[in-house]
Amino acid sequence: MARRTRSGGKPSSNAGSKTGGRRGAAAASDVLEVPKGARADGPVEGVYYIDTGDCELIADQDNSTGWLLRINGVMSSHIDLADPLFLDFEYMRWMSALIESRWKPETKPRLRGLHLGGGACSLARYFHAAYPDARQVVVELDGKLAEYVRGWFDLPKAPLLRLRVGEARAVTETLTPDTRDFIIRDVFAGAVTPVALTTAEFNEHVRRVLAPGGIYVVNSGDGPDLKNAREDAATIAAAFEHTIIIADPAMLKGRRYGNMVMAGSDQPFDDDPQLARRLLGGAVPAHIWDDAKVRAFAAGAQVRHDPAAPPAAE
């Protein structure tokens, strides 16, 4: 899910009108097929079949080394092949700023990161450049997309960066406790995060996997009614002692569709003036809500839970 500096990504008010899936994308362009077992040799503009539908690789007209990735009709990611530290989507800049506020890159920590949702692996590339000794795993549901991204964007090799094909919740439930410093949830089916990744039970799995002092960061997309954002905030606040929200003022006031970055931790988020200045200095200036404001925002909202198991048949 993405909101760009120059153009809106997902979620958006017209997300439902976009044509997704193989039929819609194929109608717009010839579909390129890479033989099974072969790896794409660098990015080539076009539409590609993937396991979950289709994706489109688009050359960035404003950046000669930039590429945009659209998945099933919805803009997903941006990559700058020449500069992994350039993030075109504002919400990704907010996420990176938050994590760098806790772990200063100059201290060279050996972070352990888990990315739920792969896309073009923009943030994983960024953190590899910022923290060269980091160990990261990207969980991507679509195996064919993962193959393409490996070939297109020359990602760091394992063990620095591993792409694991699988469903995000199922993978998270298998992980060893206290083994990740940060976990990022950026998973969408169309314009919506699958419910199984938003419940209190899933948040407890995330908390179990995080090491002490770790951060759980989510991309919460919503429209002007903010119902989804309030429920996301309520569910995260129920699982973690300390929370934070980063978003631009128009989003916080329910004036548009867009993205909020939410985070939870067992350790307080520092009142970091440098972080506040960095967020205000972006192309889309963002504000920070501390734990008290997050809980006030979420007051009265439903904490999501897994559906009850059906009764056993007699």
Foldseek 3Di string as FASTA:
>chain_A
DFQFLVGGFPPFPCLVVFQFFAVRQCVVFPEDEDDPPDFAQADDFDWYAWPVGIKTWAQDPVANQKIWIGHRRTTDAMQRLVDLQDGGTLVLVLVVLQVCLLPPLVVQDQFEEEEEAPQLNSSLSNVCVSRVNYFYEYEHQIPRNVRHSCNHRVGDDPRNYHYHHDHRQVVLQPAAFQAGQEYEYDDDDRRHHPLVCQALVSLLSVNRRHHANHKYKYKFWDALVCLSVLQSLVSQVVNAVWKKKKDAPCVVNSNGTDIIMMMGHNDYRDPDVVSQVSQCPDSRRIDMDTRVVSCVSNPPHDRHHDDDDDDDDD
